[in-house]
Amino acid sequence: MPTGDLAVTTGRRLEMIDLTNRVQQIVAASGIDEGILILFNPHTTAGVTINEGADPDVQHDILGALGRIVPTNYPYRHSEGNSPAHLMATLTGSSVTVFIERGRLQLGTWQRLFFCEFDGPRTRHLRWKLLAG
């Protein structure tokens, strides 16, 4: 079962970074033809998600809507000042699972894998695991 670390460096406080090509390279290098990929984000102020990657306005809209859903002026008790990032991370989730067939990620036509930064800029480390079968 191949496992590894995927470093992601972000440049803004809120950002979605397409990881699809990098993850596909990991799958190809593994030699696994059939199985599943698990991508896990161990950070509480960032998320991972699968969504449309063809139109960059989708990422803009997701970040904009999350900014409206999660208020910055709520009387948060967490003293670090990044409570909105924690809530956004909860909404996007911390992991994704994708089937692998014929050595390729089985994403839908418009789907891409995104790392979602909500408390950047930072360097983050995601964990991945490939299960053959």
C-alpha atoms as a PDB file:
ATOM      1  CA  MET A   1       0.000   0.000   0.000  1.00  0.00           C
ATOM      2  CA  PRO A   2       1.863   3.074  -1.191  1.00  0.00           C
ATOM      3  CA  THR A   3       1.496   6.131   1.045  1.00  0.00           C
ATOM      4  CA  GLY A   4       3.035   9.550   0.966  1.00  0.00           C
ATOM      5  CA  ASP A   5       3.005  13.242   1.671  1.00  0.00           C
ATOM      6  CA  LEU A   6       1.942  15.954  -0.758  1.00  0.00           C
ATOM      7  CA  ALA A   7       3.204  19.469   0.055  1.00  0.00           C
ATOM      8  CA  VAL A   8       0.998  22.386  -0.968  1.00  0.00           C
ATOM      9  CA  THR A   9       2.100  26.009  -0.684  1.00  0.00           C
ATOM     10  CA  THR A  10      -0.624  28.634  -0.751  1.00  0.00           C
ATOM     11  CA  GLY A  11      -0.260  32.323  -1.500  1.00  0.00           C
ATOM     12  CA  ARG A  12      -3.494  33.829  -0.200  1.00  0.00           C
ATOM     13  CA  ARG A  13      -5.732  33.612   2.860  1.00  0.00           C
ATOM     14  CA  LEU A  14      -8.514  31.958   0.813  1.00  0.00           C
ATOM     15  CA  GLU A  15      -7.516  29.843  -2.162  1.00  0.00           C
ATOM     16  CA  MET A  16      -8.436  26.682  -4.046  1.00  0.00           C
ATOM     17  CA  ILE A  17      -5.541  24.807  -5.627  1.00  0.00           C
ATOM     18  CA  ASP A  18      -6.139  22.124  -8.242  1.00  0.00           C
ATOM     19  CA  LEU A  19      -4.184  19.001  -7.237  1.00  0.00           C
ATOM     20  CA  THR A  20      -5.563  16.665  -9.899  1.00  0.00           C
ATOM     21  CA  ASN A  21      -2.479  16.438 -12.128  1.00  0.00           C
ATOM     22  CA  ARG A  22      -0.109  16.008  -9.183  1.00  0.00           C
ATOM     23  CA  VAL A  23      -2.267  13.243  -7.708  1.00  0.00           C
ATOM     24  CA  GLN A  24      -2.635  11.523 -11.093  1.00  0.00           C
ATOM     25  CA  GLN A  25       1.176  11.490 -11.361  1.00  0.00           C
ATOM     26  CA  ILE A  26       1.341   9.741  -7.977  1.00  0.00           C
ATOM     27  CA  VAL A  27      -1.155   7.133  -9.185  1.00  0.00           C
ATOM     28  CA  ALA A  28       0.750   6.593 -12.450  1.00  0.00           C
ATOM     29  CA  ALA A  29       4.096   6.229 -10.643  1.00  0.00           C
ATOM     30  CA  SER A  30       2.616   3.647  -8.269  1.00  0.00           C
ATOM     31  CA  GLY A  31       1.847   1.193 -11.060  1.00  0.00           C
ATOM     32  CA  ILE A  32      -1.553   0.470  -9.496  1.00  0.00           C
ATOM     33  CA  ASP A  33      -4.059  -0.293 -12.225  1.00  0.00           C
ATOM     34  CA  GLU A  34      -7.206  -0.788 -10.123  1.00  0.00           C
ATOM     35  CA  GLY A  35      -7.964   0.442  -6.627  1.00  0.00           C
ATOM     36  CA  ILE A  36      -8.741   3.569  -4.677  1.00  0.00           C
ATOM     37  CA  LEU A  37      -6.952   6.752  -3.688  1.00  0.00           C
ATOM     38  CA  ILE A  38      -7.541   8.345  -0.310  1.00  0.00           C
ATOM     39  CA  LEU A  39      -6.363  11.937   0.049  1.00  0.00           C
ATOM     40  CA  PHE A  40      -6.421  13.258   3.629  1.00  0.00           C
ATOM     41  CA  ASN A  41      -5.843  16.792   4.870  1.00  0.00           C
ATOM     42  CA  PRO A  42      -4.688  16.864   8.529  1.00  0.00           C
ATOM     43  CA  HIS A  43      -5.171  20.631   8.923  1.00  0.00           C
ATOM     44  CA  THR A  44      -8.135  22.136  10.771  1.00  0.00           C
ATOM     45  CA  THR A  45      -8.223  25.380   8.786  1.00  0.00           C
ATOM     46  CA  ALA A  46      -8.125  23.885   5.289  1.00  0.00           C
ATOM     47  CA  GLY A  47     -10.141  21.326   3.348  1.00  0.00           C
ATOM     48  CA  VAL A  48     -10.149  19.076   0.317  1.00  0.00           C
ATOM     49  CA  THR A  49     -12.998  18.694  -2.126  1.00  0.00           C
ATOM     50  CA  ILE A  50     -13.946  17.488  -5.581  1.00  0.00           C
ATOM     51  CA  ASN A  51     -15.657  20.051  -7.780  1.00  0.00           C
ATOM     52  CA  GLU A  52     -15.687  21.572 -11.249  1.00  0.00           C
ATOM     53  CA  GLY A  53     -12.329  22.603 -12.612  1.00  0.00           C
ATOM     54  CA  ALA A  54     -13.205  23.724 -16.148  1.00  0.00           C
ATOM     55  CA  ASP A  55     -14.440  27.204 -15.207  1.00  0.00           C
ATOM     56  CA  PRO A  56     -12.316  29.134 -12.650  1.00  0.00           C
ATOM     57  CA  ASP A  57     -15.407  31.161 -11.770  1.00  0.00           C
ATOM     58  CA  VAL A  58     -16.674  28.087  -9.893  1.00  0.00           C
ATOM     59  CA  GLN A  59     -13.784  28.295  -7.424  1.00  0.00           C
ATOM     60  CA  HIS A  60     -14.328  32.040  -7.118  1.00  0.00           C
ATOM     61  CA  ASP A  61     -18.019  31.433  -6.404  1.00  0.00           C
ATOM     62  CA  ILE A  62     -17.311  28.695  -3.840  1.00  0.00           C
ATOM     63  CA  LEU A  63     -14.895  30.900  -1.898  1.00  0.00           C
ATOM     64  CA  GLY A  64     -17.230  33.893  -2.161  1.00  0.00           C
ATOM     65  CA  ALA A  65     -20.251  31.912  -0.957  1.00  0.00           C
ATOM     66  CA  LEU A  66     -18.304  30.375   1.931  1.00  0.00           C
ATOM     67  CA  GLY A  67     -17.296  33.904   2.912  1.00  0.00           C
ATOM     68  CA  ARG A  68     -20.971  34.876   3.065  1.00  0.00           C
ATOM     69  CA  ILE A  69     -22.100  31.694   4.840  1.00  0.00           C
ATOM     70  CA  VAL A  70     -19.423  31.943   7.532  1.00  0.00           C
ATOM     71  CA  PRO A  71     -19.532  35.381   9.182  1.00  0.00           C
ATOM     72  CA  THR A  72     -16.326  37.126  10.167  1.00  0.00           C
ATOM     73  CA  ASN A  73     -18.101  39.317  12.728  1.00  0.00           C
ATOM     74  CA  TYR A  74     -19.636  36.502  14.802  1.00  0.00           C
ATOM     75  CA  PRO A  75     -18.497  36.680  18.458  1.00  0.00           C
ATOM     76  CA  TYR A  76     -16.163  33.669  18.175  1.00  0.00           C
ATOM     77  CA  ARG A  77     -14.618  32.439  21.417  1.00  0.00           C
ATOM     78  CA  HIS A  78     -11.539  30.870  19.802  1.00  0.00           C
ATOM     79  CA  SER A  79      -8.844  33.485  20.411  1.00  0.00           C
ATOM     80  CA  GLU A  80      -6.545  32.864  17.421  1.00  0.00           C
ATOM     81  CA  GLY A  81      -8.784  34.830  15.058  1.00  0.00           C
ATOM     82  CA  ASN A  82      -9.161  32.040  12.514  1.00  0.00           C
ATOM     83  CA  SER A  83     -12.516  30.598  13.578  1.00  0.00           C
ATOM     84  CA  PRO A  84     -14.086  31.259  10.153  1.00  0.00           C
ATOM     85  CA  ALA A  85     -11.352  29.063   8.641  1.00  0.00           C
ATOM     86  CA  HIS A  86     -12.241  26.226  11.018  1.00  0.00           C
ATOM     87  CA  LEU A  87     -15.896  26.434   9.994  1.00  0.00           C
ATOM     88  CA  MET A  88     -15.091  26.539   6.264  1.00  0.00           C
ATOM     89  CA  ALA A  89     -12.868  23.479   6.694  1.00  0.00           C
ATOM     90  CA  THR A  90     -15.748  21.649   8.350  1.00  0.00           C
ATOM     91  CA  LEU A  91     -18.013  22.497   5.406  1.00  0.00           C
ATOM     92  CA  THR A  92     -15.550  21.268   2.754  1.00  0.00           C
ATOM     93  CA  GLY A  93     -14.306  18.212   4.619  1.00  0.00           C
ATOM     94  CA  SER A  94     -10.911  16.704   5.327  1.00  0.00           C
ATOM     95  CA  SER A  95     -10.678  13.821   2.842  1.00  0.00           C
ATOM     96  CA  VAL A  96     -11.722  12.505  -0.546  1.00  0.00           C
ATOM     97  CA  THR A  97     -11.764   8.993  -1.976  1.00  0.00           C
ATOM     98  CA  VAL A  98     -11.475   8.350  -5.712  1.00  0.00           C
ATOM     99  CA  PHE A  99     -11.659   5.094  -7.650  1.00  0.00           C
ATOM    100  CA  ILE A 100      -8.723   4.155  -9.873  1.00  0.00           C
ATOM    101  CA  GLU A 101      -9.340   2.198 -13.081  1.00  0.00           C
ATOM    102  CA  ARG A 102      -6.766   1.458 -15.771  1.00  0.00           C
ATOM    103  CA  GLY A 103      -4.261   3.536 -13.784  1.00  0.00           C
ATOM    104  CA  ARG A 104      -6.419   6.686 -13.946  1.00  0.00           C
ATOM    105  CA  LEU A 105      -8.413   8.630 -11.381  1.00  0.00           C
ATOM    106  CA  GLN A 106     -12.078   8.087 -12.140  1.00  0.00           C
ATOM    107  CA  LEU A 107     -13.322  11.643 -11.867  1.00  0.00           C
ATOM    108  CA  GLY A 108     -16.352  12.971 -13.712  1.00  0.00           C
ATOM    109  CA  THR A 109     -15.952  14.994 -16.891  1.00  0.00           C
ATOM    110  CA  TRP A 110     -15.640  18.344 -15.131  1.00  0.00           C
ATOM    111  CA  GLN A 111     -14.375  17.157 -11.752  1.00  0.00           C
ATOM    112  CA  ARG A 112     -11.007  18.077 -10.267  1.00  0.00           C
ATOM    113  CA  LEU A 113      -9.395  17.553  -6.838  1.00  0.00           C
ATOM    114  CA  PHE A 114      -8.940  20.792  -4.891  1.00  0.00           C
ATOM    115  CA  PHE A 115      -7.041  21.766  -1.794  1.00  0.00           C
ATOM    116  CA  CYS A 116      -8.982  24.573  -0.082  1.00  0.00           C
ATOM    117  CA  GLU A 117      -6.928  27.039   1.932  1.00  0.00           C
ATOM    118  CA  PHE A 118      -8.859  29.128   4.452  1.00  0.00           C
ATOM    119  CA  ASP A 119      -6.046  30.450   6.685  1.00  0.00           C
ATOM    120  CA  GLY A 120      -3.138  31.133   4.388  1.00  0.00           C
ATOM    121  CA  PRO A 121      -0.689  31.718   3.090  1.00  0.00           C
ATOM    122  CA  ARG A 122       1.006  28.578   4.379  1.00  0.00           C
ATOM    123  CA  THR A 123       2.765  25.399   3.400  1.00  0.00           C
ATOM    124  CA  ARG A 124       0.533  22.411   4.110  1.00  0.00           C
ATOM    125  CA  HIS A 125       1.133  18.677   3.944  1.00  0.00           C
ATOM    126  CA  LEU A 126      -1.573  16.277   2.811  1.00  0.00           C
ATOM    127  CA  ARG A 127      -1.380  12.511   3.215  1.00  0.00           C
ATOM    128  CA  TRP A 128      -2.324  10.059   0.487  1.00  0.00           C
ATOM    129  CA  LYS A 129      -2.756   6.316   0.382  1.00  0.00           C
ATOM    130  CA  LEU A 130      -3.345   4.009  -2.579  1.00  0.00           C
ATOM    131  CA  LEU A 131      -5.151   0.724  -2.092  1.00  0.00           C
ATOM    132  CA  ALA A 132      -4.852  -1.810  -4.891  1.00  0.00           C
ATOM    133  CA  GLY A 133      -7.690  -4.131  -5.688  1.00  0.00           C
END
